[in-house]
Protein backbone atom coordinates (compact mmCIF):
# COMPACT_ATOMS: atom_id res chain seq x y z
CA MET A 1 12.64 32.55 16.71
CA SER A 2 15.47 30.01 16.67
CA HIS A 3 15.05 26.74 14.85
CA PHE A 4 16.42 23.52 16.33
CA GLU A 5 17.81 20.28 14.99
CA THR A 6 18.67 17.02 16.68
CA LYS A 7 21.55 14.68 15.87
CA LEU A 8 22.22 11.12 16.94
CA THR A 9 25.95 11.36 17.70
CA ALA A 10 26.43 7.88 19.19
CA ALA A 11 24.31 5.11 20.64
CA HIS A 12 21.97 6.61 23.27
CA ALA A 13 23.32 10.12 22.60
CA VAL A 14 21.15 12.79 20.95
CA SER A 15 22.34 16.38 20.72
CA VAL A 16 20.11 19.43 20.28
CA SER A 17 21.44 22.60 18.67
CA VAL A 18 20.31 25.70 16.83
CA GLN A 19 19.83 24.86 13.18
CA PRO A 20 22.38 26.52 10.87
CA GLU A 21 21.18 29.50 8.86
CA GLU A 22 19.12 28.42 5.87
CA GLN A 23 20.93 28.03 2.54
CA SER A 24 19.42 28.06 -0.95
CA ILE A 25 16.74 25.47 -1.66
CA PRO A 26 17.71 22.70 -4.12
CA ASP A 27 15.80 22.57 -7.40
CA GLY A 28 12.67 20.45 -7.10
CA TYR A 29 12.58 20.80 -3.31
CA ALA A 30 10.28 22.82 -1.06
CA ARG A 31 11.22 24.35 2.30
CA LEU A 32 9.08 23.16 5.18
CA GLN A 33 8.72 23.64 8.92
CA LEU A 34 8.15 20.52 11.00
CA ALA A 35 4.65 20.17 12.43
CA VAL A 36 4.72 16.69 14.01
CA ALA A 37 7.01 13.68 13.67
CA SER A 38 6.81 10.23 15.23
CA LEU A 39 9.23 7.58 16.41
CA CYS A 40 9.71 4.31 14.57
CA GLY A 41 11.35 1.01 15.46
CA THR A 42 14.06 1.86 12.93
CA ASP A 43 14.86 5.03 14.88
CA LEU A 44 15.03 2.93 18.03
CA HIS A 45 17.56 0.51 16.48
CA TYR A 46 19.81 3.38 15.41
CA TYR A 47 19.44 5.00 18.83
CA SER A 48 20.28 1.79 20.66
CA GLN A 49 23.04 0.43 18.41
CA PHE A 50 24.05 3.25 16.00
CA ALA A 51 23.07 0.69 13.36
CA ASN A 52 20.03 -1.08 11.95
CA ALA A 53 19.68 -4.32 9.97
CA GLY A 54 23.42 -4.40 9.28
CA PHE A 55 23.63 -0.76 8.18
CA VAL A 56 26.03 1.12 10.47
CA LEU A 57 25.99 4.92 10.69
CA GLN A 58 29.28 6.42 9.60
CA ASN A 59 28.66 9.84 11.13
CA PRO A 60 26.10 11.70 13.27
CA VAL A 61 22.72 12.02 11.60
CA THR A 62 19.28 13.47 12.24
CA LEU A 63 16.85 10.59 12.65
CA GLY A 64 13.19 10.51 11.68
CA HIS A 65 11.24 9.50 8.58
CA GLU A 66 7.66 9.84 9.81
CA ALA A 67 6.43 13.43 9.75
CA CYS A 68 4.20 16.16 8.43
CA ALA A 69 5.13 19.80 7.96
CA TYR A 70 3.96 23.25 6.90
CA VAL A 71 5.12 24.74 3.61
CA VAL A 72 7.39 27.76 4.12
CA ASP A 73 8.66 28.21 0.55
CA PRO A 74 7.15 26.24 -2.37
CA ASN A 75 10.24 27.07 -4.47
CA GLY A 76 8.32 27.14 -7.75
CA SER A 77 6.21 24.04 -7.06
CA ASN A 78 2.42 23.85 -6.92
CA LEU A 79 2.47 23.80 -3.12
CA LYS A 80 1.11 26.80 -1.22
CA VAL A 81 2.66 28.69 1.69
CA GLY A 82 1.15 27.51 4.97
CA GLN A 83 -0.18 24.21 3.58
CA LEU A 84 0.07 21.16 5.80
CA VAL A 85 1.69 18.31 3.89
CA ALA A 86 2.40 14.65 4.60
CA LEU A 87 6.02 13.74 3.90
CA ASN A 88 6.72 10.63 1.86
CA PRO A 89 10.32 9.72 2.80
CA ILE A 90 10.89 7.43 -0.20
CA MET A 91 12.92 9.42 -2.72
CA ASN A 92 12.93 6.96 -5.59
CA CYS A 93 14.81 7.40 -8.85
CA GLN A 94 11.67 7.08 -11.04
CA GLU A 95 13.75 5.33 -13.72
CA CYS A 96 14.72 1.80 -12.64
CA ALA A 97 12.69 -1.34 -13.35
CA PRO A 98 10.96 -1.46 -9.92
CA CYS A 99 10.00 2.22 -10.22
CA ASN A 100 8.56 1.58 -13.68
CA ARG A 101 6.48 -1.23 -12.13
CA GLY A 102 5.16 1.15 -9.46
CA GLU A 103 7.31 -0.49 -6.78
CA GLU A 104 9.28 2.47 -5.48
CA ASN A 105 9.87 0.58 -2.23
CA LEU A 106 12.26 -1.66 -4.21
CA CYS A 107 13.94 1.18 -6.14
CA THR A 108 17.58 0.31 -6.85
CA ALA A 109 18.74 3.90 -6.28
CA LYS A 110 16.35 4.94 -3.51
CA LYS A 111 17.30 7.63 -1.00
CA PHE A 112 15.80 7.48 2.46
CA PRO A 113 16.28 10.09 5.23
CA GLY A 114 17.44 9.38 8.74
CA SER A 115 19.16 6.10 7.94
CA ALA A 116 22.51 4.55 7.00
CA THR A 117 21.18 3.03 3.79
CA ALA A 118 22.30 6.03 1.72
CA VAL A 119 25.91 7.24 1.76
CA PRO A 120 26.44 10.05 2.45
CA HIS A 121 23.59 9.83 4.95
CA LEU A 122 20.56 12.07 4.52
CA ASP A 123 19.32 13.87 7.62
CA GLY A 124 15.83 12.92 8.70
CA PHE A 125 12.86 14.87 10.00
CA PHE A 126 13.65 15.46 13.69
CA ARG A 127 14.50 19.12 12.96
CA ASP A 128 12.52 22.31 12.55
CA VAL A 129 13.42 23.27 8.97
CA ILE A 130 13.30 20.56 6.30
CA ASP A 131 14.01 20.75 2.58
CA HIS A 132 12.18 17.88 0.89
CA PRO A 133 11.30 17.00 -2.73
CA ALA A 134 8.06 18.78 -3.59
CA ARG A 135 6.82 15.65 -5.39
CA CYS A 136 7.06 13.80 -2.06
CA CYS A 137 4.87 16.34 -0.23
CA ARG A 138 1.16 15.49 -0.22
CA PRO A 139 -1.12 18.43 0.72
CA VAL A 140 -4.08 17.51 2.90
CA ALA A 141 -7.55 18.80 3.67
CA ASP A 142 -7.73 21.78 6.05
CA HIS A 143 -9.46 19.81 8.81
CA VAL A 144 -6.62 17.29 9.24
CA ASN A 145 -4.88 17.34 12.63
CA PRO A 146 -1.05 17.25 12.22
CA ARG A 147 -0.86 14.92 15.23
CA HIS A 148 -2.75 12.42 13.09
CA LEU A 149 -1.04 13.15 9.78
CA THR A 150 2.34 12.08 11.16
CA PHE A 151 0.91 8.54 11.05
CA ALA A 152 0.79 8.61 7.21
CA GLU A 153 4.13 6.86 6.67
CA PRO A 154 3.75 4.07 9.26
CA MET A 155 0.11 3.59 8.32
CA ALA A 156 1.22 3.20 4.69
CA CYS A 157 3.60 0.44 5.80
CA ALA A 158 0.78 -1.28 7.69
CA LEU A 159 -1.57 -0.97 4.72
CA HIS A 160 1.08 -2.46 2.43
CA ALA A 161 1.20 -5.49 4.73
CA LEU A 162 -2.60 -5.71 4.66
CA ASN A 163 -2.57 -5.54 0.86
CA LYS A 164 0.13 -8.22 0.64
CA GLY A 165 -2.09 -10.34 2.88
CA GLY A 166 -5.21 -9.59 0.84
CA VAL A 167 -7.14 -8.36 3.89
CA ALA A 168 -10.76 -7.57 3.05
CA ALA A 169 -14.11 -7.09 4.75
CA GLY A 170 -15.50 -10.11 6.58
CA GLN A 171 -12.20 -11.94 6.90
CA LYS A 172 -10.86 -13.26 10.19
CA VAL A 173 -7.48 -11.59 10.73
CA LEU A 174 -4.95 -12.24 13.48
CA VAL A 175 -2.28 -9.63 14.26
CA THR A 176 0.63 -10.96 16.30
CA GLY A 177 2.37 -8.12 18.13
CA CYS A 178 0.67 -4.96 19.37
CA GLY A 179 3.52 -2.51 19.09
CA PRO A 180 2.96 0.68 17.06
CA MET A 181 3.01 -1.12 13.69
CA GLY A 182 0.76 -3.91 14.89
CA LEU A 183 -1.71 -1.35 16.23
CA LEU A 184 -1.80 0.43 12.87
CA ALA A 185 -2.36 -2.89 11.09
CA ILE A 186 -5.23 -3.58 13.47
CA ALA A 187 -6.75 -0.14 12.85
CA GLY A 188 -6.36 -0.50 9.10
CA ALA A 189 -7.87 -3.99 9.00
CA ALA A 190 -10.77 -2.94 11.21
CA ALA A 191 -11.41 0.06 8.93
CA ARG A 192 -11.76 -2.43 6.04
CA GLY A 193 -14.40 -4.40 7.93
CA ALA A 194 -12.25 -7.37 8.95
CA ASP A 195 -12.85 -9.30 12.19
CA VAL A 196 -9.53 -8.66 13.96
CA THR A 197 -7.94 -10.59 16.82
CA ALA A 198 -4.88 -9.06 18.50
CA LEU A 199 -2.20 -11.07 20.30
CA ASP A 200 0.66 -9.82 22.47
CA LEU A 201 2.69 -10.76 25.55
CA ARG A 202 1.68 -7.52 27.30
CA ALA A 203 -1.83 -7.08 28.66
CA LYS A 204 -1.66 -3.29 28.40
CA ALA A 205 -0.67 -3.48 24.73
CA VAL A 206 -3.66 -5.72 24.08
CA GLU A 207 -5.92 -3.17 25.80
CA VAL A 208 -4.72 -0.51 23.35
CA ALA A 209 -5.23 -2.96 20.48
CA VAL A 210 -8.90 -3.31 21.39
CA LYS A 211 -9.21 0.48 21.39
CA ALA A 212 -7.57 0.46 17.96
CA GLY A 213 -10.32 -1.75 16.56
CA ALA A 214 -9.58 -5.38 17.48
CA GLN A 215 -12.76 -7.30 18.28
CA THR A 216 -10.79 -9.79 20.38
CA GLY A 217 -7.63 -9.27 22.43
CA LEU A 218 -5.48 -12.17 23.62
CA VAL A 219 -2.52 -12.17 26.02
CA SER A 220 0.07 -14.89 25.39
CA GLY A 221 0.04 -17.56 28.06
CA LYS A 222 -3.49 -16.68 29.17
CA PHE A 223 -5.38 -18.95 26.76
CA ASP A 224 -5.09 -22.31 25.06
CA GLU A 225 -3.24 -21.76 21.78
CA SER A 226 -4.91 -24.81 20.27
CA ASP A 227 -8.08 -22.69 20.16
CA LEU A 228 -6.44 -20.59 17.42
CA GLU A 229 -5.51 -23.43 15.08
CA LYS A 230 -6.72 -22.97 11.49
CA LYS A 231 -9.08 -20.15 12.53
CA PHE A 232 -7.77 -17.21 10.49
CA ASP A 233 -7.84 -16.23 6.83
CA VAL A 234 -4.87 -13.86 7.20
CA VAL A 235 -2.20 -13.34 9.85
CA ILE A 236 -0.17 -10.14 10.05
CA GLU A 237 3.08 -10.87 11.90
CA ALA A 238 4.09 -7.60 13.58
CA SER A 239 6.12 -8.74 16.60
CA GLY A 240 9.45 -9.71 15.05
CA ALA A 241 9.59 -12.84 17.20
CA ILE A 242 10.00 -16.35 15.78
CA PRO A 243 7.62 -17.90 18.38
CA ALA A 244 4.94 -15.51 17.11
CA PHE A 245 5.66 -16.63 13.54
CA ASN A 246 5.14 -20.24 14.67
CA THR A 247 1.84 -19.17 16.22
CA ALA A 248 0.92 -17.64 12.87
CA LEU A 249 1.71 -20.89 11.07
CA LYS A 250 -0.59 -22.77 13.42
CA ALA A 251 -3.37 -20.18 13.44
CA ILE A 252 -3.70 -19.72 9.69
CA ARG A 253 -6.26 -21.86 7.86
CA GLN A 254 -5.42 -24.06 4.91
CA LYS A 255 -4.45 -21.95 1.90
CA GLY A 256 -4.40 -18.83 4.10
CA ARG A 257 -1.85 -16.06 3.86
CA ILE A 258 0.72 -14.71 6.34
CA SER A 259 2.06 -11.21 5.74
CA ILE A 260 5.28 -10.34 7.56
CA LEU A 261 5.18 -6.69 8.61
CA SER A 262 7.93 -7.04 11.21
CA ASN A 263 11.68 -7.36 10.77
CA ILE A 264 11.93 -10.82 12.35
CA GLN A 265 15.03 -10.91 14.50
CA LEU A 266 17.51 -13.73 14.02
CA ARG A 267 17.75 -16.14 16.92
CA ASP A 268 18.17 -19.85 17.54
CA ALA A 269 14.65 -21.23 17.32
CA ARG A 270 12.74 -23.92 15.48
CA VAL A 271 10.38 -22.69 12.78
CA MET A 272 7.51 -24.99 11.83
CA LEU A 273 8.20 -24.72 8.12
CA HIS A 274 6.45 -28.04 7.45
CA LEU A 275 3.12 -26.32 8.07
CA ILE A 276 3.69 -24.08 5.04
CA MET A 277 3.74 -27.20 2.87
CA LEU A 278 1.00 -29.15 4.63
CA LYS A 279 -1.50 -26.28 4.68
CA GLU A 280 -0.36 -24.65 1.41
CA ILE A 281 0.22 -21.39 3.27
CA GLU A 282 1.28 -18.31 1.33
CA VAL A 283 3.91 -16.26 3.16
CA ALA A 284 4.47 -12.71 1.91
CA GLY A 285 7.13 -10.23 2.93
CA SER A 286 6.08 -6.61 3.29
CA PHE A 287 8.64 -3.80 2.93
CA GLN A 288 7.72 -0.12 3.22
CA PHE A 289 4.94 0.86 0.77
CA ASN A 290 3.97 2.03 -2.70
CA ARG A 291 0.52 3.38 -3.57
CA GLU A 292 -0.41 2.80 0.08
CA PHE A 293 0.98 6.23 1.06
CA GLU A 294 -1.90 7.86 -0.79
CA GLU A 295 -4.28 5.30 0.70
CA ALA A 296 -3.00 6.15 4.19
CA VAL A 297 -3.44 9.89 3.72
CA GLN A 298 -6.97 9.38 2.46
CA LEU A 299 -7.74 7.17 5.48
CA ILE A 300 -6.45 9.91 7.79
CA GLU A 301 -8.51 12.55 5.97
CA SER A 302 -11.61 10.38 6.37
CA GLY A 303 -11.36 10.38 10.17
CA ALA A 304 -12.08 6.64 10.24
CA VAL A 305 -9.21 5.88 12.66
CA ASP A 306 -8.88 7.21 16.22
CA PHE A 307 -5.21 8.15 16.15
CA GLU A 308 -5.39 9.73 19.60
CA ALA A 309 -6.07 6.25 20.98
CA LEU A 310 -2.87 5.10 19.27
CA THR A 311 -0.74 7.95 20.63
CA ALA A 312 1.18 7.08 23.78
CA HIS A 313 3.10 10.29 24.53
CA ALA A 314 4.06 13.62 22.96
CA PHE A 315 7.44 15.33 23.40
CA PRO A 316 8.73 18.67 22.11
CA LEU A 317 11.48 18.47 19.49
CA ASP A 318 14.21 19.41 21.98
CA GLN A 319 13.32 16.32 24.05
CA THR A 320 13.74 13.81 21.23
CA GLY A 321 16.47 12.02 23.21
CA GLU A 322 14.12 11.56 26.15
CA ALA A 323 11.41 10.28 23.81
CA LEU A 324 13.77 7.69 22.33
CA GLU A 325 14.88 6.64 25.81
CA MET A 326 11.25 6.09 26.81
CA MET A 327 10.72 3.96 23.72
CA ALA A 328 13.92 2.01 24.43
CA GLY A 329 12.67 1.29 27.94
CA GLY A 330 9.45 -0.24 26.60
CA LYS A 331 7.40 2.23 28.61
CA ALA A 332 5.11 3.38 25.80
CA PHE A 333 2.07 1.54 24.48
CA GLY A 334 1.37 3.14 21.13
CA LYS A 335 3.16 5.81 19.10
CA ILE A 336 5.42 8.48 20.58
CA ILE A 337 5.13 11.74 18.66
CA ILE A 338 7.48 14.72 18.44
CA LEU A 339 6.02 18.24 18.24
CA GLY A 340 7.85 20.77 16.11
CA SER A 341 8.64 24.18 17.62
CA VAL A 342 5.78 25.75 15.64
CA LEU A 343 3.31 23.76 17.76
CA VAL A 344 4.89 24.20 21.19
CA ARG A 345 6.02 27.82 21.23
């Protein structure tokens, strides 16, 4: 059976080819076969612009940093052949000050697949055969569905935002933006016992948010925003839009906390910064994750989240370009997943 790999060769151009014959496995790495991957907003930025957040790709690269896989060759590690493992894409140095603090997301020498942040670029997970550090492979219980395990990385990001916001049972939480990351934040907050309200411009996205666990779903422009003022203990900003951030500043109670999960896009707009002072609001940035990867895997193993409700579409690996084009067109409400050849043959 042939193995395939995809490459982003230019904006809106993804090639599919037979993967080159396997070479020796690097020390400390295991050889894996892709089970399921999923698309991220970062992948979409690279697909649309061949760049993301100021990092420009210098050559074609395989995208993808959300995935799970089966172990093919443990290469001397404690992994077992055939095990399903969640892939942690953060390859931290384990030596710098942030790593010593347990903050591998801020590692000064971090390597991250499928992005332009490391030079030379590291290929990501949208390929059949993957060599990945064994220490970054987390084996899971036998009952776990790989379609759900691919959510481990994005769920870890969402949980990091919830932790930065201090989300706990009984709190009133507003999530602005019901894209894939907002939906995962909603699911994670609901699993903790929070009373979650979801807000988005798109009625269909709000419908999915309610399925994800939001007790209340609101469509922008369809209600009086003054009804939200000072009503929430925590706001998770997951839209990336400055108007939504202003809504968060109005909706948060005095001494509440706003956690920014999104990469807020620069644009000319007025931000109501005075409310941060007047209400003593705490605003926290949230970047990737740390211990939350383990927390995410445990949440998936528990079965507490209906990940099928959060899955919009599934494509085989050789249709990764079509999957990215669907995402670029805004036609998916929820996560788009990519099935490795082992699951579609």
